[in-house]
Structures are given as C-alpha cells and as structure tokens.
Amino acid sequence: MPARIVLRRQQLTKYMTLAGMTRQKDLAEAVGISEASVYRTLEGRNPPGGKFIAGLLATFAFAGVDFNDLFEIVTH
C-alpha cells in the first residue's frame, strides 16, 4: 500500500486556537481554500492536498509549525 499523509487533527485544533480561529470558515479563509474542502479534509473524506498543506504551514508559521507538527506519513 502506498504511503499517505494524515492530518494530526488535535494539533491543528491547538494551532487554530492559538491563532484565534474558532470555525472551519476561519481556517478556510486563512488557507485560501473553500470551506467545503476544509470540511472534507478534516473529516478524512479527502487527503490533504498540496494547497491545503502549504496553506496550513504558511498560516501557522508564526508558531514555528513545520510539516511534522501537523501531518504524519502512514505507510501501512
């Protein structure tokens, strides 16, 4: 089975709180993608895409967040 990228949801919630974000809409606006895309990714319906990943890293750069803070690579 190929490797896949999985969002660390609890970590994302932590950084959203630090940034004063309380809604998925806030996150969507900060990342620059649709609220529907954020919802589908957070619910695990869609894997995190490149724009989502890059947007999160840019949004939370103030906290020194890197890829491994928000994502993990699963190989099984």
PDB file of N, CA and C in Angstrom:
ATOM      1  N   MET A   1       0.853  -1.180   0.000  1.00  0.00           N
ATOM      2  CA  MET A   1       0.000   0.000   0.000  1.00  0.00           C
ATOM      3  C   MET A   1       0.900   1.245   0.000  1.00  0.00           C
ATOM      4  N   PRO A   2       0.579   2.221  -0.826  1.00  0.00           N
ATOM      5  CA  PRO A   2       1.395   3.441  -0.868  1.00  0.00           C
ATOM      6  C   PRO A   2       1.265   4.267   0.413  1.00  0.00           C
ATOM      7  N   ALA A   3       2.273   5.047   0.671  1.00  0.00           N
ATOM      8  CA  ALA A   3       2.246   5.939   1.839  1.00  0.00           C
ATOM      9  C   ALA A   3       1.181   7.012   1.626  1.00  0.00           C
ATOM     10  N   ARG A   4       0.622   7.476   2.741  1.00  0.00           N
ATOM     11  CA  ARG A   4      -0.361   8.559   2.656  1.00  0.00           C
ATOM     12  C   ARG A   4      -0.098   9.566   3.770  1.00  0.00           C
ATOM     13  N   ILE A   5      -0.525  10.779   3.535  1.00  0.00           N
ATOM     14  CA  ILE A   5      -0.353  11.860   4.502  1.00  0.00           C
ATOM     15  C   ILE A   5      -1.630  11.981   5.317  1.00  0.00           C
ATOM     16  N   VAL A   6      -1.467  11.999   6.630  1.00  0.00           N
ATOM     17  CA  VAL A   6      -2.612  12.089   7.536  1.00  0.00           C
ATOM     18  C   VAL A   6      -2.463  13.347   8.387  1.00  0.00           C
ATOM     19  N   LEU A   7      -3.546  14.087   8.501  1.00  0.00           N
ATOM     20  CA  LEU A   7      -3.585  15.305   9.302  1.00  0.00           C
ATOM     21  C   LEU A   7      -3.638  14.959  10.786  1.00  0.00           C
ATOM     22  N   ARG A   8      -2.835  15.629  11.586  1.00  0.00           N
ATOM     23  CA  ARG A   8      -2.898  15.489  13.041  1.00  0.00           C
ATOM     24  C   ARG A   8      -3.944  16.496  13.534  1.00  0.00           C
ATOM     25  N   ARG A   9      -5.152  16.031  13.632  1.00  0.00           N
ATOM     26  CA  ARG A   9      -6.300  16.902  13.901  1.00  0.00           C
ATOM     27  C   ARG A   9      -6.175  17.647  15.238  1.00  0.00           C
ATOM     28  N   GLN A  10      -5.729  16.977  16.287  1.00  0.00           N
ATOM     29  CA  GLN A  10      -5.619  17.643  17.591  1.00  0.00           C
ATOM     30  C   GLN A  10      -4.593  18.767  17.541  1.00  0.00           C
ATOM     31  N   GLN A  11      -3.518  18.549  16.821  1.00  0.00           N
ATOM     32  CA  GLN A  11      -2.502  19.590  16.685  1.00  0.00           C
ATOM     33  C   GLN A  11      -3.071  20.795  15.934  1.00  0.00           C
ATOM     34  N   LEU A  12      -3.818  20.509  14.880  1.00  0.00           N
ATOM     35  CA  LEU A  12      -4.429  21.593  14.115  1.00  0.00           C
ATOM     36  C   LEU A  12      -5.360  22.409  15.010  1.00  0.00           C
ATOM     37  N   THR A  13      -6.161  21.738  15.809  1.00  0.00           N
ATOM     38  CA  THR A  13      -7.074  22.432  16.725  1.00  0.00           C
ATOM     39  C   THR A  13      -6.293  23.331  17.675  1.00  0.00           C
ATOM     40  N   LYS A  14      -5.187  22.839  18.169  1.00  0.00           N
ATOM     41  CA  LYS A  14      -4.338  23.622  19.083  1.00  0.00           C
ATOM     42  C   LYS A  14      -3.847  24.898  18.403  1.00  0.00           C
ATOM     43  N   TYR A  15      -3.335  24.774  17.181  1.00  0.00           N
ATOM     44  CA  TYR A  15      -2.811  25.942  16.478  1.00  0.00           C
ATOM     45  C   TYR A  15      -3.924  26.889  16.038  1.00  0.00           C
ATOM     46  N   MET A  16      -5.080  26.352  15.712  1.00  0.00           N
ATOM     47  CA  MET A  16      -6.211  27.216  15.382  1.00  0.00           C
ATOM     48  C   MET A  16      -6.583  28.065  16.596  1.00  0.00           C
ATOM     49  N   THR A  17      -6.606  27.448  17.761  1.00  0.00           N
ATOM     50  CA  THR A  17      -6.930  28.176  18.995  1.00  0.00           C
ATOM     51  C   THR A  17      -5.904  29.268  19.259  1.00  0.00           C
ATOM     52  N   LEU A  18      -4.627  28.945  19.085  1.00  0.00           N
ATOM     53  CA  LEU A  18      -3.572  29.948  19.276  1.00  0.00           C
ATOM     54  C   LEU A  18      -3.748  31.143  18.340  1.00  0.00           C
ATOM     55  N   ALA A  19      -4.252  30.866  17.138  1.00  0.00           N
ATOM     56  CA  ALA A  19      -4.438  31.920  16.138  1.00  0.00           C
ATOM     57  C   ALA A  19      -5.791  32.622  16.277  1.00  0.00           C
ATOM     58  N   GLY A  20      -6.596  32.204  17.245  1.00  0.00           N
ATOM     59  CA  GLY A  20      -7.902  32.831  17.440  1.00  0.00           C
ATOM     60  C   GLY A  20      -8.963  32.370  16.463  1.00  0.00           C
ATOM     61  N   MET A  21      -8.750  31.231  15.834  1.00  0.00           N
ATOM     62  CA  MET A  21      -9.722  30.693  14.884  1.00  0.00           C
ATOM     63  C   MET A  21     -10.676  29.760  15.623  1.00  0.00           C
ATOM     64  N   THR A  22     -11.963  29.988  15.428  1.00  0.00           N
ATOM     65  CA  THR A  22     -12.950  29.160  16.110  1.00  0.00           C
ATOM     66  C   THR A  22     -13.814  28.346  15.151  1.00  0.00           C
ATOM     67  N   ARG A  23     -13.723  28.651  13.862  1.00  0.00           N
ATOM     68  CA  ARG A  23     -14.578  27.975  12.879  1.00  0.00           C
ATOM     69  C   ARG A  23     -13.763  27.463  11.709  1.00  0.00           C
ATOM     70  N   GLN A  24     -14.289  26.451  11.053  1.00  0.00           N
ATOM     71  CA  GLN A  24     -13.647  25.947   9.840  1.00  0.00           C
ATOM     72  C   GLN A  24     -13.600  27.034   8.775  1.00  0.00           C
ATOM     73  N   LYS A  25     -14.581  27.911   8.788  1.00  0.00           N
ATOM     74  CA  LYS A  25     -14.611  29.020   7.830  1.00  0.00           C
ATOM     75  C   LYS A  25     -13.390  29.916   8.025  1.00  0.00           C
ATOM     76  N   ASP A  26     -13.011  30.168   9.278  1.00  0.00           N
ATOM     77  CA  ASP A  26     -11.815  30.974   9.560  1.00  0.00           C
ATOM     78  C   ASP A  26     -10.574  30.320   8.961  1.00  0.00           C
ATOM     79  N   LEU A  27     -10.486  29.013   9.139  1.00  0.00           N
ATOM     80  CA  LEU A  27      -9.340  28.279   8.613  1.00  0.00           C
ATOM     81  C   LEU A  27      -9.326  28.319   7.088  1.00  0.00           C
ATOM     82  N   ALA A  28     -10.479  28.118   6.484  1.00  0.00           N
ATOM     83  CA  ALA A  28     -10.576  28.141   5.019  1.00  0.00           C
ATOM     84  C   ALA A  28     -10.121  29.481   4.457  1.00  0.00           C
ATOM     85  N   GLU A  29     -10.556  30.563   5.082  1.00  0.00           N
ATOM     86  CA  GLU A  29     -10.165  31.896   4.620  1.00  0.00           C
ATOM     87  C   GLU A  29      -8.666  32.117   4.782  1.00  0.00           C
ATOM     88  N   ALA A  30      -8.100  31.663   5.902  1.00  0.00           N
ATOM     89  CA  ALA A  30      -6.667  31.845   6.143  1.00  0.00           C
ATOM     90  C   ALA A  30      -5.828  31.037   5.167  1.00  0.00           C
ATOM     91  N   VAL A  31      -6.290  29.835   4.840  1.00  0.00           N
ATOM     92  CA  VAL A  31      -5.533  28.939   3.959  1.00  0.00           C
ATOM     93  C   VAL A  31      -5.762  29.278   2.488  1.00  0.00           C
ATOM     94  N   GLY A  32      -6.919  29.860   2.183  1.00  0.00           N
ATOM     95  CA  GLY A  32      -7.222  30.225   0.802  1.00  0.00           C
ATOM     96  C   GLY A  32      -7.870  29.117   0.008  1.00  0.00           C
ATOM     97  N   ILE A  33      -8.634  28.268   0.700  1.00  0.00           N
ATOM     98  CA  ILE A  33      -9.396  27.218   0.014  1.00  0.00           C
ATOM     99  C   ILE A  33     -10.832  27.275   0.494  1.00  0.00           C
ATOM    100  N   SER A  34     -11.696  26.518  -0.152  1.00  0.00           N
ATOM    101  CA  SER A  34     -13.110  26.562   0.200  1.00  0.00           C
ATOM    102  C   SER A  34     -13.372  25.906   1.550  1.00  0.00           C
ATOM    103  N   GLU A  35     -14.426  26.358   2.176  1.00  0.00           N
ATOM    104  CA  GLU A  35     -14.826  25.764   3.447  1.00  0.00           C
ATOM    105  C   GLU A  35     -15.181  24.291   3.259  1.00  0.00           C
ATOM    106  N   ALA A  36     -15.775  23.958   2.114  1.00  0.00           N
ATOM    107  CA  ALA A  36     -16.126  22.563   1.822  1.00  0.00           C
ATOM    108  C   ALA A  36     -14.870  21.690   1.745  1.00  0.00           C
ATOM    109  N   SER A  37     -13.819  22.208   1.141  1.00  0.00           N
ATOM    110  CA  SER A  37     -12.559  21.456   1.058  1.00  0.00           C
ATOM    111  C   SER A  37     -11.962  21.230   2.440  1.00  0.00           C
ATOM    112  N   VAL A  38     -12.017  22.263   3.266  1.00  0.00           N
ATOM    113  CA  VAL A  38     -11.519  22.125   4.640  1.00  0.00           C
ATOM    114  C   VAL A  38     -12.332  21.058   5.366  1.00  0.00           C
ATOM    115  N   TYR A  39     -13.643  21.129   5.256  1.00  0.00           N
ATOM    116  CA  TYR A  39     -14.518  20.163   5.927  1.00  0.00           C
ATOM    117  C   TYR A  39     -14.181  18.737   5.488  1.00  0.00           C
ATOM    118  N   ARG A  40     -14.097  18.510   4.183  1.00  0.00           N
ATOM    119  CA  ARG A  40     -13.834  17.161   3.670  1.00  0.00           C
ATOM    120  C   ARG A  40     -12.469  16.646   4.131  1.00  0.00           C
ATOM    121  N   THR A  41     -11.491  17.527   4.193  1.00  0.00           N
ATOM    122  CA  THR A  41     -10.166  17.110   4.646  1.00  0.00           C
ATOM    123  C   THR A  41     -10.183  16.812   6.145  1.00  0.00           C
ATOM    124  N   LEU A  42     -10.805  17.662   6.932  1.00  0.00           N
ATOM    125  CA  LEU A  42     -10.856  17.451   8.376  1.00  0.00           C
ATOM    126  C   LEU A  42     -11.636  16.194   8.743  1.00  0.00           C
ATOM    127  N   GLU A  43     -12.625  15.852   7.955  1.00  0.00           N
ATOM    128  CA  GLU A  43     -13.424  14.657   8.220  1.00  0.00           C
ATOM    129  C   GLU A  43     -12.780  13.390   7.658  1.00  0.00           C
ATOM    130  N   GLY A  44     -11.645  13.542   6.961  1.00  0.00           N
ATOM    131  CA  GLY A  44     -10.952  12.386   6.410  1.00  0.00           C
ATOM    132  C   GLY A  44     -11.525  11.878   5.102  1.00  0.00           C
ATOM    133  N   ARG A  45     -12.409  12.648   4.513  1.00  0.00           N
ATOM    134  CA  ARG A  45     -13.008  12.245   3.232  1.00  0.00           C
ATOM    135  C   ARG A  45     -12.051  12.468   2.065  1.00  0.00           C
ATOM    136  N   ASN A  46     -11.213  13.497   2.185  1.00  0.00           N
ATOM    137  CA  ASN A  46     -10.193  13.791   1.180  1.00  0.00           C
ATOM    138  C   ASN A  46      -8.840  13.834   1.867  1.00  0.00           C
ATOM    139  N   PRO A  47      -7.811  13.350   1.207  1.00  0.00           N
ATOM    140  CA  PRO A  47      -6.473  13.502   1.783  1.00  0.00           C
ATOM    141  C   PRO A  47      -6.043  14.965   1.684  1.00  0.00           C
ATOM    142  N   PRO A  48      -5.166  15.403   2.563  1.00  0.00           N
ATOM    143  CA  PRO A  48      -4.680  16.782   2.455  1.00  0.00           C
ATOM    144  C   PRO A  48      -3.920  16.970   1.145  1.00  0.00           C
ATOM    145  N   GLY A  49      -4.326  17.956   0.379  1.00  0.00           N
ATOM    146  CA  GLY A  49      -3.653  18.252  -0.876  1.00  0.00           C
ATOM    147  C   GLY A  49      -2.527  19.255  -0.672  1.00  0.00           C
ATOM    148  N   GLY A  50      -1.778  19.481  -1.711  1.00  0.00           N
ATOM    149  CA  GLY A  50      -0.637  20.388  -1.646  1.00  0.00           C
ATOM    150  C   GLY A  50      -1.012  21.795  -1.211  1.00  0.00           C
ATOM    151  N   LYS A  51      -2.097  22.327  -1.748  1.00  0.00           N
ATOM    152  CA  LYS A  51      -2.511  23.688  -1.380  1.00  0.00           C
ATOM    153  C   LYS A  51      -2.934  23.749   0.090  1.00  0.00           C
ATOM    154  N   PHE A  52      -3.623  22.717   0.563  1.00  0.00           N
ATOM    155  CA  PHE A  52      -4.038  22.651   1.965  1.00  0.00           C
ATOM    156  C   PHE A  52      -2.807  22.593   2.867  1.00  0.00           C
ATOM    157  N   ILE A  53      -1.873  21.727   2.550  1.00  0.00           N
ATOM    158  CA  ILE A  53      -0.658  21.572   3.356  1.00  0.00           C
ATOM    159  C   ILE A  53       0.143  22.870   3.377  1.00  0.00           C
ATOM    160  N   ALA A  54       0.404  23.430   2.209  1.00  0.00           N
ATOM    161  CA  ALA A  54       1.183  24.672   2.128  1.00  0.00           C
ATOM    162  C   ALA A  54       0.466  25.814   2.846  1.00  0.00           C
ATOM    163  N   GLY A  55      -0.856  25.874   2.699  1.00  0.00           N
ATOM    164  CA  GLY A  55      -1.629  26.917   3.349  1.00  0.00           C
ATOM    165  C   GLY A  55      -1.580  26.829   4.865  1.00  0.00           C
ATOM    166  N   LEU A  56      -1.677  25.611   5.392  1.00  0.00           N
ATOM    167  CA  LEU A  56      -1.586  25.446   6.846  1.00  0.00           C
ATOM    168  C   LEU A  56      -0.209  25.851   7.353  1.00  0.00           C
ATOM    169  N   LEU A  57       0.823  25.413   6.667  1.00  0.00           N
ATOM    170  CA  LEU A  57       2.177  25.743   7.112  1.00  0.00           C
ATOM    171  C   LEU A  57       2.423  27.246   7.073  1.00  0.00           C
ATOM    172  N   ALA A  58       1.911  27.920   6.059  1.00  0.00           N
ATOM    173  CA  ALA A  58       2.071  29.372   5.971  1.00  0.00           C
ATOM    174  C   ALA A  58       1.234  30.074   7.044  1.00  0.00           C
ATOM    175  N   THR A  59       0.018  29.587   7.267  1.00  0.00           N
ATOM    176  CA  THR A  59      -0.878  30.199   8.239  1.00  0.00           C
ATOM    177  C   THR A  59      -0.315  30.124   9.649  1.00  0.00           C
ATOM    178  N   PHE A  60       0.299  29.012   9.974  1.00  0.00           N
ATOM    179  CA  PHE A  60       0.783  28.812  11.341  1.00  0.00           C
ATOM    180  C   PHE A  60       2.296  28.986  11.471  1.00  0.00           C
ATOM    181  N   ALA A  61       2.900  29.631  10.510  1.00  0.00           N
ATOM    182  CA  ALA A  61       4.351  29.878  10.561  1.00  0.00           C
ATOM    183  C   ALA A  61       4.727  30.714  11.786  1.00  0.00           C
ATOM    184  N   PHE A  62       3.811  31.578  12.236  1.00  0.00           N
ATOM    185  CA  PHE A  62       4.082  32.428  13.397  1.00  0.00           C
ATOM    186  C   PHE A  62       4.424  31.597  14.634  1.00  0.00           C
ATOM    187  N   ALA A  63       3.913  30.364  14.686  1.00  0.00           N
ATOM    188  CA  ALA A  63       4.137  29.500  15.840  1.00  0.00           C
ATOM    189  C   ALA A  63       5.294  28.530  15.606  1.00  0.00           C
ATOM    190  N   GLY A  64       6.012  28.694  14.507  1.00  0.00           N
ATOM    191  CA  GLY A  64       7.130  27.805  14.213  1.00  0.00           C
ATOM    192  C   GLY A  64       6.705  26.404  13.813  1.00  0.00           C
ATOM    193  N   VAL A  65       5.492  26.282  13.282  1.00  0.00           N
ATOM    194  CA  VAL A  65       4.946  24.981  12.900  1.00  0.00           C
ATOM    195  C   VAL A  65       5.657  24.449  11.663  1.00  0.00           C
ATOM    196  N   ASP A  66       5.984  23.155  11.688  1.00  0.00           N
ATOM    197  CA  ASP A  66       6.531  22.529  10.483  1.00  0.00           C
ATOM    198  C   ASP A  66       5.636  21.347  10.087  1.00  0.00           C
ATOM    199  N   PHE A  67       5.964  20.727   9.007  1.00  0.00           N
ATOM    200  CA  PHE A  67       5.148  19.645   8.446  1.00  0.00           C
ATOM    201  C   PHE A  67       4.835  18.576   9.491  1.00  0.00           C
ATOM    202  N   ASN A  68       5.839  18.150  10.222  1.00  0.00           N
ATOM    203  CA  ASN A  68       5.658  17.057  11.189  1.00  0.00           C
ATOM    204  C   ASN A  68       4.788  17.436  12.375  1.00  0.00           C
ATOM    205  N   ASP A  69       4.599  18.718  12.625  1.00  0.00           N
ATOM    206  CA  ASP A  69       3.689  19.144  13.684  1.00  0.00           C
ATOM    207  C   ASP A  69       2.237  18.875  13.321  1.00  0.00           C
ATOM    208  N   LEU A  70       1.920  18.996  12.040  1.00  0.00           N
ATOM    209  CA  LEU A  70       0.534  18.898  11.603  1.00  0.00           C
ATOM    210  C   LEU A  70       0.180  17.628  10.815  1.00  0.00           C
ATOM    211  N   PHE A  71       1.212  16.939  10.335  1.00  0.00           N
ATOM    212  CA  PHE A  71       0.955  15.777   9.473  1.00  0.00           C
ATOM    213  C   PHE A  71       1.861  14.617   9.846  1.00  0.00           C
ATOM    214  N   GLU A  72       1.395  13.429   9.511  1.00  0.00           N
ATOM    215  CA  GLU A  72       2.250  12.260   9.626  1.00  0.00           C
ATOM    216  C   GLU A  72       2.117  11.459   8.348  1.00  0.00           C
ATOM    217  N   ILE A  73       3.148  10.722   8.020  1.00  0.00           N
ATOM    218  CA  ILE A  73       3.125   9.873   6.845  1.00  0.00           C
ATOM    219  C   ILE A  73       2.899   8.442   7.323  1.00  0.00           C
ATOM    220  N   VAL A  74       1.827   7.841   6.835  1.00  0.00           N
ATOM    221  CA  VAL A  74       1.455   6.483   7.223  1.00  0.00           C
ATOM    222  C   VAL A  74       1.787   5.558   6.062  1.00  0.00           C
ATOM    223  N   THR A  75       2.495   4.479   6.368  1.00  0.00           N
ATOM    224  CA  THR A  75       2.944   3.584   5.309  1.00  0.00           C
ATOM    225  C   THR A  75       2.230   2.235   5.316  1.00  0.00           C
ATOM    226  N   HIS A  76       1.249   2.065   6.150  1.00  0.00           N
ATOM    227  CA  HIS A  76       0.528   0.776   6.150  1.00  0.00           C
ATOM    228  C   HIS A  76      -0.950   0.950   5.974  1.00  0.00           C
TER     229      HIS A  76
END
